[in-house]
Amino acid sequence: MTHRRAVALMICVTLMWSIAGIVTRHLDSAHGFELTFWRSLFNALALLLLLGWLQGPVRLWRNLRDGGRALWVSGLCWCVMYTAFMLAISLTTVANVLVTMALAPLLTAVAARVALGHRLALRTWVAIVVAGAGIGWMYGAELGGADPRHWIGTAVALCVPIAAAVNWTLLQHVQQRRCDDPPDMLAPVLLGALLSAVLTLPLALPLTATPHDLALLGLLGVVQLAIPCLMAVRVARVLSAPEVSLLGLLEVVFGVLWVWLGSSESPSAAVLGGGALVLAALAANEALALRGVARAT
């Protein structure tokens, strides 16, 4: 896979990830831990079918059994991301959650620098700062107000970028350490979904989801999680950890667009201006990266 194709694939991943907020707002009765349980369950079922088809049941079981410490650490990271995201959305606004998740590039860059000794290009640092400024401009006033639920939801949402930073850095480390025979890191995606479903089931009872809710949560489990998460792991073999996380900021922009198109909520001037900064930072960073690849070739 070329760098350009990996970037395009990661943009598709963020587009699919971004539908969670607008779909969740159209649920009838499911809320709290029940959201996470059903989404993770449908995600796990879809991953079992997809990985069973791609790898075969025997190989999939062998990868889960022999994955070692890296598999379990990555699986726990996926579990935290699956669980914390949906729980945070039930406690606070989608904007608050997305703003908090925008910390992922900075946390990933720091983690890669500390754990892997990566020397980041100046363009990457500049892009992270500019994109972060755009996100802050877009939703700078969202955390105002005295409702403690917003602060609790934001604290829960903070677990997502922390887990993402650890996960992307781990994937990069595994690829570098065993570049000739890299282990399968698709299995942890399934492991995280299974752990999330099992851990949240007791907290989700009694289940109140309607058939309409189950259809939407099934959509999230398959289209918003299973397929794009497998794609993201594949992309991580080509793109650096900070670059993957930086491109992930597009989820914020796409999430705003979904709300704009799917409800009566129209973006303000700050949203449009901040979104333009994010897109400009991403476009400039990728253009410089592609220029460097072309020169090296």
C-alpha atoms as a PDB file:
ATOM      1  CA  MET A   1       0.000   0.000   0.000  1.00  0.00           C
ATOM      2  CA  THR A   2       1.382   3.408  -0.989  1.00  0.00           C
ATOM      3  CA  HIS A   3       1.414   6.396   1.330  1.00  0.00           C
ATOM      4  CA  ARG A   4      -1.234   8.148  -0.738  1.00  0.00           C
ATOM      5  CA  ARG A   5      -3.594   5.171  -0.634  1.00  0.00           C
ATOM      6  CA  ALA A   6      -3.062   4.799   3.102  1.00  0.00           C
ATOM      7  CA  VAL A   7      -4.028   8.453   3.622  1.00  0.00           C
ATOM      8  CA  ALA A   8      -7.164   8.037   1.475  1.00  0.00           C
ATOM      9  CA  LEU A   9      -8.119   4.897   3.385  1.00  0.00           C
ATOM     10  CA  MET A  10      -7.652   6.647   6.732  1.00  0.00           C
ATOM     11  CA  ILE A  11      -9.946   9.465   5.573  1.00  0.00           C
ATOM     12  CA  CYS A  12     -12.617   6.855   4.796  1.00  0.00           C
ATOM     13  CA  VAL A  13     -12.068   5.404   8.279  1.00  0.00           C
ATOM     14  CA  THR A  14     -12.697   8.771   9.948  1.00  0.00           C
ATOM     15  CA  LEU A  15     -15.817   9.274   7.834  1.00  0.00           C
ATOM     16  CA  MET A  16     -17.276   6.000   9.110  1.00  0.00           C
ATOM     17  CA  TRP A  17     -16.191   6.681  12.699  1.00  0.00           C
ATOM     18  CA  SER A  18     -17.899  10.079  12.631  1.00  0.00           C
ATOM     19  CA  ILE A  19     -21.493   8.805  12.327  1.00  0.00           C
ATOM     20  CA  ALA A  20     -21.688   7.679  15.977  1.00  0.00           C
ATOM     21  CA  GLY A  21     -22.904  10.992  17.402  1.00  0.00           C
ATOM     22  CA  ILE A  22     -25.759  11.649  14.991  1.00  0.00           C
ATOM     23  CA  VAL A  23     -26.940   8.017  15.023  1.00  0.00           C
ATOM     24  CA  THR A  24     -26.934   7.908  18.826  1.00  0.00           C
ATOM     25  CA  ARG A  25     -29.109  11.014  19.006  1.00  0.00           C
ATOM     26  CA  HIS A  26     -31.849   9.183  17.069  1.00  0.00           C
ATOM     27  CA  LEU A  27     -32.212   6.295  19.536  1.00  0.00           C
ATOM     28  CA  ASP A  28     -35.551   5.748  21.302  1.00  0.00           C
ATOM     29  CA  SER A  29     -34.798   4.371  24.752  1.00  0.00           C
ATOM     30  CA  ALA A  30     -31.330   2.793  24.975  1.00  0.00           C
ATOM     31  CA  HIS A  31     -28.876   4.828  27.027  1.00  0.00           C
ATOM     32  CA  GLY A  32     -25.759   4.623  29.199  1.00  0.00           C
ATOM     33  CA  PHE A  33     -23.981   1.277  29.391  1.00  0.00           C
ATOM     34  CA  GLU A  34     -26.637  -0.369  27.223  1.00  0.00           C
ATOM     35  CA  LEU A  35     -25.403   1.679  24.253  1.00  0.00           C
ATOM     36  CA  THR A  36     -21.910   0.315  24.723  1.00  0.00           C
ATOM     37  CA  PHE A  37     -23.071  -3.259  25.251  1.00  0.00           C
ATOM     38  CA  TRP A  38     -25.157  -3.515  22.073  1.00  0.00           C
ATOM     39  CA  ARG A  39     -22.650  -1.673  19.909  1.00  0.00           C
ATOM     40  CA  SER A  40     -19.756  -3.794  21.183  1.00  0.00           C
ATOM     41  CA  LEU A  41     -21.788  -6.998  20.782  1.00  0.00           C
ATOM     42  CA  PHE A  42     -22.691  -6.234  17.175  1.00  0.00           C
ATOM     43  CA  ASN A  43     -19.084  -5.183  16.606  1.00  0.00           C
ATOM     44  CA  ALA A  44     -17.793  -8.484  17.974  1.00  0.00           C
ATOM     45  CA  LEU A  45     -20.196 -10.535  15.847  1.00  0.00           C
ATOM     46  CA  ALA A  46     -19.217  -8.612  12.710  1.00  0.00           C
ATOM     47  CA  LEU A  47     -15.518  -9.011  13.493  1.00  0.00           C
ATOM     48  CA  LEU A  48     -15.920 -12.750  14.034  1.00  0.00           C
ATOM     49  CA  LEU A  49     -17.456 -13.064  10.572  1.00  0.00           C
ATOM     50  CA  LEU A  50     -14.968 -10.735   8.876  1.00  0.00           C
ATOM     51  CA  LEU A  51     -11.830 -12.157  10.472  1.00  0.00           C
ATOM     52  CA  GLY A  52     -13.123 -15.698  10.085  1.00  0.00           C
ATOM     53  CA  TRP A  53     -13.566 -15.025   6.386  1.00  0.00           C
ATOM     54  CA  LEU A  54     -10.220 -13.243   5.963  1.00  0.00           C
ATOM     55  CA  GLN A  55      -8.085 -15.573   8.064  1.00  0.00           C
ATOM     56  CA  GLY A  56     -10.102 -18.711   8.653  1.00  0.00           C
ATOM     57  CA  PRO A  57     -11.385 -19.893  12.064  1.00  0.00           C
ATOM     58  CA  VAL A  58      -8.259 -21.926  12.869  1.00  0.00           C
ATOM     59  CA  ARG A  59      -5.839 -19.087  12.211  1.00  0.00           C
ATOM     60  CA  LEU A  60      -8.032 -16.599  14.058  1.00  0.00           C
ATOM     61  CA  TRP A  61      -8.114 -18.808  17.147  1.00  0.00           C
ATOM     62  CA  ARG A  62      -4.330 -19.322  16.918  1.00  0.00           C
ATOM     63  CA  ASN A  63      -3.756 -15.566  16.720  1.00  0.00           C
ATOM     64  CA  LEU A  64      -5.943 -14.978  19.794  1.00  0.00           C
ATOM     65  CA  ARG A  65      -4.232 -17.782  21.700  1.00  0.00           C
ATOM     66  CA  ASP A  66      -0.644 -16.952  20.815  1.00  0.00           C
ATOM     67  CA  GLY A  67      -0.819 -13.165  20.579  1.00  0.00           C
ATOM     68  CA  GLY A  68       1.077 -12.599  23.793  1.00  0.00           C
ATOM     69  CA  ARG A  69       1.276  -9.426  25.842  1.00  0.00           C
ATOM     70  CA  ALA A  70       0.940  -7.083  22.864  1.00  0.00           C
ATOM     71  CA  LEU A  71      -2.417  -8.627  21.928  1.00  0.00           C
ATOM     72  CA  TRP A  72      -3.851  -8.154  25.404  1.00  0.00           C
ATOM     73  CA  VAL A  73      -2.567  -4.602  25.817  1.00  0.00           C
ATOM     74  CA  SER A  74      -3.955  -3.611  22.432  1.00  0.00           C
ATOM     75  CA  GLY A  75      -7.223  -5.424  23.179  1.00  0.00           C
ATOM     76  CA  LEU A  76      -7.600  -3.523  26.458  1.00  0.00           C
ATOM     77  CA  CYS A  77      -6.962  -0.254  24.601  1.00  0.00           C
ATOM     78  CA  TRP A  78      -9.692  -1.060  22.083  1.00  0.00           C
ATOM     79  CA  CYS A  79     -12.011  -2.018  24.964  1.00  0.00           C
ATOM     80  CA  VAL A  80     -11.413   1.332  26.691  1.00  0.00           C
ATOM     81  CA  MET A  81     -12.021   3.253  23.457  1.00  0.00           C
ATOM     82  CA  TYR A  82     -15.225   1.349  22.672  1.00  0.00           C
ATOM     83  CA  THR A  83     -16.619   1.725  26.191  1.00  0.00           C
ATOM     84  CA  ALA A  84     -15.548   5.254  27.126  1.00  0.00           C
ATOM     85  CA  PHE A  85     -16.710   6.836  23.868  1.00  0.00           C
ATOM     86  CA  MET A  86     -20.327   5.664  24.054  1.00  0.00           C
ATOM     87  CA  LEU A  87     -20.560   6.272  27.797  1.00  0.00           C
ATOM     88  CA  ALA A  88     -19.222   9.814  27.361  1.00  0.00           C
ATOM     89  CA  ILE A  89     -21.754  10.566  24.602  1.00  0.00           C
ATOM     90  CA  SER A  90     -24.567   9.560  26.989  1.00  0.00           C
ATOM     91  CA  LEU A  91     -23.241  11.989  29.626  1.00  0.00           C
ATOM     92  CA  THR A  92     -22.349  15.082  27.621  1.00  0.00           C
ATOM     93  CA  THR A  93     -22.643  16.602  24.168  1.00  0.00           C
ATOM     94  CA  VAL A  94     -21.087  15.086  21.066  1.00  0.00           C
ATOM     95  CA  ALA A  95     -19.047  18.264  20.663  1.00  0.00           C
ATOM     96  CA  ASN A  96     -17.482  17.876  24.126  1.00  0.00           C
ATOM     97  CA  VAL A  97     -16.510  14.284  23.375  1.00  0.00           C
ATOM     98  CA  LEU A  98     -15.016  15.136  19.991  1.00  0.00           C
ATOM     99  CA  VAL A  99     -13.071  18.080  21.405  1.00  0.00           C
ATOM    100  CA  THR A 100     -11.560  15.854  24.082  1.00  0.00           C
ATOM    101  CA  MET A 101     -10.683  13.200  21.524  1.00  0.00           C
ATOM    102  CA  ALA A 102      -8.816  15.867  19.547  1.00  0.00           C
ATOM    103  CA  LEU A 103      -6.022  15.551  22.138  1.00  0.00           C
ATOM    104  CA  ALA A 104      -5.076  12.210  20.545  1.00  0.00           C
ATOM    105  CA  PRO A 105      -2.451  13.533  18.077  1.00  0.00           C
ATOM    106  CA  LEU A 106      -0.533  15.382  20.769  1.00  0.00           C
ATOM    107  CA  LEU A 107      -0.688  12.446  23.190  1.00  0.00           C
ATOM    108  CA  THR A 108       0.335  10.037  20.426  1.00  0.00           C
ATOM    109  CA  ALA A 109       3.245  12.233  19.371  1.00  0.00           C
ATOM    110  CA  VAL A 110       4.477  12.438  22.957  1.00  0.00           C
ATOM    111  CA  ALA A 111       4.039   8.692  23.483  1.00  0.00           C
ATOM    112  CA  ALA A 112       5.907   7.886  20.267  1.00  0.00           C
ATOM    113  CA  ARG A 113       8.679  10.277  21.250  1.00  0.00           C
ATOM    114  CA  VAL A 114       9.057   8.795  24.750  1.00  0.00           C
ATOM    115  CA  ALA A 115       8.480   5.109  24.002  1.00  0.00           C
ATOM    116  CA  LEU A 116       9.934   4.788  20.504  1.00  0.00           C
ATOM    117  CA  GLY A 117      12.370   7.681  20.334  1.00  0.00           C
ATOM    118  CA  HIS A 118      10.685   9.106  17.234  1.00  0.00           C
ATOM    119  CA  ARG A 119      11.991  12.464  16.075  1.00  0.00           C
ATOM    120  CA  LEU A 120       8.945  14.166  14.663  1.00  0.00           C
ATOM    121  CA  ALA A 121       9.181  16.421  11.650  1.00  0.00           C
ATOM    122  CA  LEU A 122       8.587  20.093  12.292  1.00  0.00           C
ATOM    123  CA  ARG A 123       5.639  20.032   9.886  1.00  0.00           C
ATOM    124  CA  THR A 124       3.929  17.403  12.063  1.00  0.00           C
ATOM    125  CA  TRP A 125       4.323  19.481  15.227  1.00  0.00           C
ATOM    126  CA  VAL A 126       3.058  22.595  13.448  1.00  0.00           C
ATOM    127  CA  ALA A 127       0.092  20.683  12.029  1.00  0.00           C
ATOM    128  CA  ILE A 128      -0.793  19.319  15.466  1.00  0.00           C
ATOM    129  CA  VAL A 129      -0.687  22.795  17.024  1.00  0.00           C
ATOM    130  CA  VAL A 130      -2.704  24.417  14.229  1.00  0.00           C
ATOM    131  CA  ALA A 131      -5.285  21.617  14.178  1.00  0.00           C
ATOM    132  CA  GLY A 132      -5.590  21.781  17.962  1.00  0.00           C
ATOM    133  CA  ALA A 133      -6.154  25.513  17.760  1.00  0.00           C
ATOM    134  CA  GLY A 134      -8.874  24.905  15.201  1.00  0.00           C
ATOM    135  CA  ILE A 135     -10.598  22.372  17.445  1.00  0.00           C
ATOM    136  CA  GLY A 136     -10.372  24.763  20.403  1.00  0.00           C
ATOM    137  CA  TRP A 137     -11.856  27.543  18.283  1.00  0.00           C
ATOM    138  CA  MET A 138     -14.685  25.302  17.096  1.00  0.00           C
ATOM    139  CA  TYR A 139     -15.852  24.271  20.565  1.00  0.00           C
ATOM    140  CA  GLY A 140     -14.148  26.612  22.997  1.00  0.00           C
ATOM    141  CA  ALA A 141     -17.377  27.465  24.787  1.00  0.00           C
ATOM    142  CA  GLU A 142     -18.830  23.955  24.895  1.00  0.00           C
ATOM    143  CA  LEU A 143     -17.524  23.152  28.375  1.00  0.00           C
ATOM    144  CA  GLY A 144     -19.232  26.140  29.928  1.00  0.00           C
ATOM    145  CA  GLY A 145     -22.122  25.701  32.307  1.00  0.00           C
ATOM    146  CA  ALA A 146     -22.572  24.265  35.760  1.00  0.00           C
ATOM    147  CA  ASP A 147     -23.983  20.832  34.893  1.00  0.00           C
ATOM    148  CA  PRO A 148     -21.545  18.328  36.445  1.00  0.00           C
ATOM    149  CA  ARG A 149     -22.588  15.667  33.931  1.00  0.00           C
ATOM    150  CA  HIS A 150     -20.672  17.552  31.240  1.00  0.00           C
ATOM    151  CA  TRP A 151     -17.491  17.483  33.283  1.00  0.00           C
ATOM    152  CA  ILE A 152     -17.920  13.785  34.128  1.00  0.00           C
ATOM    153  CA  GLY A 153     -18.595  13.007  30.482  1.00  0.00           C
ATOM    154  CA  THR A 154     -15.526  14.953  29.430  1.00  0.00           C
ATOM    155  CA  ALA A 155     -13.379  13.099  31.980  1.00  0.00           C
ATOM    156  CA  VAL A 156     -14.666   9.763  30.647  1.00  0.00           C
ATOM    157  CA  ALA A 157     -14.011  10.922  27.081  1.00  0.00           C
ATOM    158  CA  LEU A 158     -10.401  11.671  28.025  1.00  0.00           C
ATOM    159  CA  CYS A 159      -9.842   7.928  28.322  1.00  0.00           C
ATOM    160  CA  VAL A 160     -10.346   7.602  24.542  1.00  0.00           C
ATOM    161  CA  PRO A 161      -7.326   9.649  23.348  1.00  0.00           C
ATOM    162  CA  ILE A 162      -5.136   8.182  26.100  1.00  0.00           C
ATOM    163  CA  ALA A 163      -5.987   4.623  25.037  1.00  0.00           C
ATOM    164  CA  ALA A 164      -5.642   5.573  21.369  1.00  0.00           C
ATOM    165  CA  ALA A 165      -2.174   7.032  21.938  1.00  0.00           C
ATOM    166  CA  VAL A 166      -1.030   3.865  23.712  1.00  0.00           C
ATOM    167  CA  ASN A 167      -2.559   1.657  21.024  1.00  0.00           C
ATOM    168  CA  TRP A 168      -1.128   3.450  17.982  1.00  0.00           C
ATOM    169  CA  THR A 169       2.297   3.608  19.613  1.00  0.00           C
ATOM    170  CA  LEU A 170       2.141  -0.096  20.455  1.00  0.00           C
ATOM    171  CA  LEU A 171       1.195  -0.963  16.870  1.00  0.00           C
ATOM    172  CA  GLN A 172       4.129   1.095  15.604  1.00  0.00           C
ATOM    173  CA  HIS A 173       6.487  -0.617  18.069  1.00  0.00           C
ATOM    174  CA  VAL A 174       5.324  -4.083  17.033  1.00  0.00           C
ATOM    175  CA  GLN A 175       5.809  -3.253  13.362  1.00  0.00           C
ATOM    176  CA  GLN A 176       9.330  -1.925  13.956  1.00  0.00           C
ATOM    177  CA  ARG A 177      10.477  -4.727  16.228  1.00  0.00           C
ATOM    178  CA  ARG A 178       9.272  -7.544  13.996  1.00  0.00           C
ATOM    179  CA  CYS A 179       9.290  -5.973  10.556  1.00  0.00           C
ATOM    180  CA  ASP A 180      10.140  -9.303   8.852  1.00  0.00           C
ATOM    181  CA  ASP A 181       7.401 -11.284  10.586  1.00  0.00           C
ATOM    182  CA  PRO A 182       4.937  -8.838  12.207  1.00  0.00           C
ATOM    183  CA  PRO A 183       2.303 -10.408  14.447  1.00  0.00           C
ATOM    184  CA  ASP A 184      -1.367 -10.191  13.563  1.00  0.00           C
ATOM    185  CA  MET A 185      -2.827  -7.092  15.261  1.00  0.00           C
ATOM    186  CA  LEU A 186      -6.344  -7.499  13.882  1.00  0.00           C
ATOM    187  CA  ALA A 187      -7.215 -10.020  16.588  1.00  0.00           C
ATOM    188  CA  PRO A 188      -6.997  -7.381  19.391  1.00  0.00           C
ATOM    189  CA  VAL A 189      -9.775  -5.428  17.684  1.00  0.00           C
ATOM    190  CA  LEU A 190     -12.042  -8.439  18.204  1.00  0.00           C
ATOM    191  CA  LEU A 191     -10.714  -9.028  21.716  1.00  0.00           C
ATOM    192  CA  GLY A 192     -11.510  -5.430  22.680  1.00  0.00           C
ATOM    193  CA  ALA A 193     -15.075  -5.748  21.411  1.00  0.00           C
ATOM    194  CA  LEU A 194     -15.623  -8.988  23.356  1.00  0.00           C
ATOM    195  CA  LEU A 195     -14.185  -7.495  26.559  1.00  0.00           C
ATOM    196  CA  SER A 196     -16.332  -4.378  26.203  1.00  0.00           C
ATOM    197  CA  ALA A 197     -19.526  -6.387  25.694  1.00  0.00           C
ATOM    198  CA  VAL A 198     -18.820  -8.728  28.612  1.00  0.00           C
ATOM    199  CA  LEU A 199     -17.848  -5.958  31.047  1.00  0.00           C
ATOM    200  CA  THR A 200     -20.801  -3.691  30.252  1.00  0.00           C
ATOM    201  CA  LEU A 201     -23.571  -6.343  30.146  1.00  0.00           C
ATOM    202  CA  PRO A 202     -24.144  -6.478  33.947  1.00  0.00           C
ATOM    203  CA  LEU A 203     -24.239  -2.667  34.058  1.00  0.00           C
ATOM    204  CA  ALA A 204     -26.639  -2.470  31.094  1.00  0.00           C
ATOM    205  CA  LEU A 205     -29.417  -4.556  32.679  1.00  0.00           C
ATOM    206  CA  PRO A 206     -32.361  -4.340  32.350  1.00  0.00           C
ATOM    207  CA  LEU A 207     -32.148  -4.003  28.572  1.00  0.00           C
ATOM    208  CA  THR A 208     -34.658  -1.520  27.162  1.00  0.00           C
ATOM    209  CA  ALA A 209     -33.579  -1.114  23.521  1.00  0.00           C
ATOM    210  CA  THR A 210     -36.379  -1.133  20.955  1.00  0.00           C
ATOM    211  CA  PRO A 211     -36.082  -2.846  17.539  1.00  0.00           C
ATOM    212  CA  HIS A 212     -35.399   0.606  16.096  1.00  0.00           C
ATOM    213  CA  ASP A 213     -32.565   1.074  18.602  1.00  0.00           C
ATOM    214  CA  LEU A 214     -31.105  -2.349  17.819  1.00  0.00           C
ATOM    215  CA  ALA A 215     -31.063  -1.574  14.105  1.00  0.00           C
ATOM    216  CA  LEU A 216     -29.166   1.678  14.676  1.00  0.00           C
ATOM    217  CA  LEU A 217     -26.772   0.126  17.194  1.00  0.00           C
ATOM    218  CA  GLY A 218     -26.168  -2.743  14.771  1.00  0.00           C
ATOM    219  CA  LEU A 219     -25.277  -0.144  12.149  1.00  0.00           C
ATOM    220  CA  LEU A 220     -22.794   1.400  14.558  1.00  0.00           C
ATOM    221  CA  GLY A 221     -21.291  -1.961  15.493  1.00  0.00           C
ATOM    222  CA  VAL A 222     -20.662  -2.986  11.883  1.00  0.00           C
ATOM    223  CA  VAL A 223     -20.214   0.186   9.803  1.00  0.00           C
ATOM    224  CA  GLN A 224     -18.938   2.589  12.463  1.00  0.00           C
ATOM    225  CA  LEU A 225     -16.658   0.135  14.312  1.00  0.00           C
ATOM    226  CA  ALA A 226     -15.862  -3.283  12.840  1.00  0.00           C
ATOM    227  CA  ILE A 227     -15.013  -2.308   9.269  1.00  0.00           C
ATOM    228  CA  PRO A 228     -13.144   0.981   9.919  1.00  0.00           C
ATOM    229  CA  CYS A 229     -11.176  -0.402  12.884  1.00  0.00           C
ATOM    230  CA  LEU A 230      -9.812  -3.239  10.736  1.00  0.00           C
ATOM    231  CA  MET A 231      -8.962  -0.675   8.066  1.00  0.00           C
ATOM    232  CA  ALA A 232      -7.207   1.521  10.644  1.00  0.00           C
ATOM    233  CA  VAL A 233      -4.975  -1.348  11.781  1.00  0.00           C
ATOM    234  CA  ARG A 234      -4.001  -1.960   8.143  1.00  0.00           C
ATOM    235  CA  VAL A 235      -3.246   1.738   7.634  1.00  0.00           C
ATOM    236  CA  ALA A 236      -1.035   1.777  10.738  1.00  0.00           C
ATOM    237  CA  ARG A 237       1.416  -0.492   8.894  1.00  0.00           C
ATOM    238  CA  VAL A 238       2.152   2.319   6.431  1.00  0.00           C
ATOM    239  CA  LEU A 239       1.563   5.609   8.269  1.00  0.00           C
ATOM    240  CA  SER A 240       3.367   6.696  11.430  1.00  0.00           C
ATOM    241  CA  ALA A 241       1.481   6.731  14.723  1.00  0.00           C
ATOM    242  CA  PRO A 242       1.284  10.563  14.965  1.00  0.00           C
ATOM    243  CA  GLU A 243       0.161  10.771  11.335  1.00  0.00           C
ATOM    244  CA  VAL A 244      -2.650   8.259  11.876  1.00  0.00           C
ATOM    245  CA  SER A 245      -3.786  10.144  14.949  1.00  0.00           C
ATOM    246  CA  LEU A 246      -3.574  13.490  13.168  1.00  0.00           C
ATOM    247  CA  LEU A 247      -5.719  12.265  10.280  1.00  0.00           C
ATOM    248  CA  GLY A 248      -8.152  10.981  12.904  1.00  0.00           C
ATOM    249  CA  LEU A 249      -8.989  14.619  13.676  1.00  0.00           C
ATOM    250  CA  LEU A 250     -11.137  14.585  10.558  1.00  0.00           C
ATOM    251  CA  GLU A 251     -13.662  12.644  12.631  1.00  0.00           C
ATOM    252  CA  VAL A 252     -14.393  15.897  14.471  1.00  0.00           C
ATOM    253  CA  VAL A 253     -15.071  17.789  11.255  1.00  0.00           C
ATOM    254  CA  PHE A 254     -17.149  15.007   9.747  1.00  0.00           C
ATOM    255  CA  GLY A 255     -19.081  14.624  13.018  1.00  0.00           C
ATOM    256  CA  VAL A 256     -20.092  18.293  12.849  1.00  0.00           C
ATOM    257  CA  LEU A 257     -21.189  17.870   9.241  1.00  0.00           C
ATOM    258  CA  TRP A 258     -23.342  14.844  10.098  1.00  0.00           C
ATOM    259  CA  VAL A 259     -25.121  16.814  12.827  1.00  0.00           C
ATOM    260  CA  TRP A 260     -25.588  19.701  10.402  1.00  0.00           C
ATOM    261  CA  LEU A 261     -27.100  17.437   7.746  1.00  0.00           C
ATOM    262  CA  GLY A 262     -29.030  15.148  10.079  1.00  0.00           C
ATOM    263  CA  SER A 263     -30.675  17.705  12.367  1.00  0.00           C
ATOM    264  CA  SER A 264     -31.646  21.348  12.575  1.00  0.00           C
ATOM    265  CA  GLU A 265     -28.329  22.235  14.242  1.00  0.00           C
ATOM    266  CA  SER A 266     -26.342  24.500  11.912  1.00  0.00           C
ATOM    267  CA  PRO A 267     -22.633  25.237  12.475  1.00  0.00           C
ATOM    268  CA  SER A 268     -21.597  28.654  13.757  1.00  0.00           C
ATOM    269  CA  ALA A 269     -18.885  30.861  12.329  1.00  0.00           C
ATOM    270  CA  ALA A 270     -16.469  29.440  14.920  1.00  0.00           C
ATOM    271  CA  VAL A 271     -17.219  25.894  13.767  1.00  0.00           C
ATOM    272  CA  LEU A 272     -16.648  26.813  10.135  1.00  0.00           C
ATOM    273  CA  GLY A 273     -13.451  28.747  10.909  1.00  0.00           C
ATOM    274  CA  GLY A 274     -12.040  26.083  13.219  1.00  0.00           C
ATOM    275  CA  GLY A 275     -12.909  23.331  10.765  1.00  0.00           C
ATOM    276  CA  ALA A 276     -11.092  25.230   8.020  1.00  0.00           C
ATOM    277  CA  LEU A 277      -7.981  25.382  10.235  1.00  0.00           C
ATOM    278  CA  VAL A 278      -8.112  21.632  10.846  1.00  0.00           C
ATOM    279  CA  LEU A 279      -8.483  20.837   7.158  1.00  0.00           C
ATOM    280  CA  ALA A 280      -5.721  23.272   6.227  1.00  0.00           C
ATOM    281  CA  ALA A 281      -3.329  21.718   8.763  1.00  0.00           C
ATOM    282  CA  LEU A 282      -4.057  18.205   7.538  1.00  0.00           C
ATOM    283  CA  ALA A 283      -3.786  19.162   3.872  1.00  0.00           C
ATOM    284  CA  ALA A 284      -0.471  20.980   4.369  1.00  0.00           C
ATOM    285  CA  ASN A 285       1.030  18.142   6.413  1.00  0.00           C
ATOM    286  CA  GLU A 286       0.023  15.489   3.884  1.00  0.00           C
ATOM    287  CA  ALA A 287       1.173  17.593   0.912  1.00  0.00           C
ATOM    288  CA  LEU A 288       4.617  18.029   2.471  1.00  0.00           C
ATOM    289  CA  ALA A 289       4.787  14.320   3.332  1.00  0.00           C
ATOM    290  CA  LEU A 290       3.901  13.300  -0.216  1.00  0.00           C
ATOM    291  CA  ARG A 291       6.446  15.790  -1.575  1.00  0.00           C
ATOM    292  CA  GLY A 292       9.129  14.232   0.614  1.00  0.00           C
ATOM    293  CA  VAL A 293       8.196  10.720  -0.523  1.00  0.00           C
ATOM    294  CA  ALA A 294       8.312  11.820  -4.169  1.00  0.00           C
ATOM    295  CA  ARG A 295      11.774  13.374  -3.703  1.00  0.00           C
ATOM    296  CA  ALA A 296      13.084  10.248  -1.996  1.00  0.00           C
ATOM    297  CA  THR A 297      11.734   8.097  -4.827  1.00  0.00           C
END
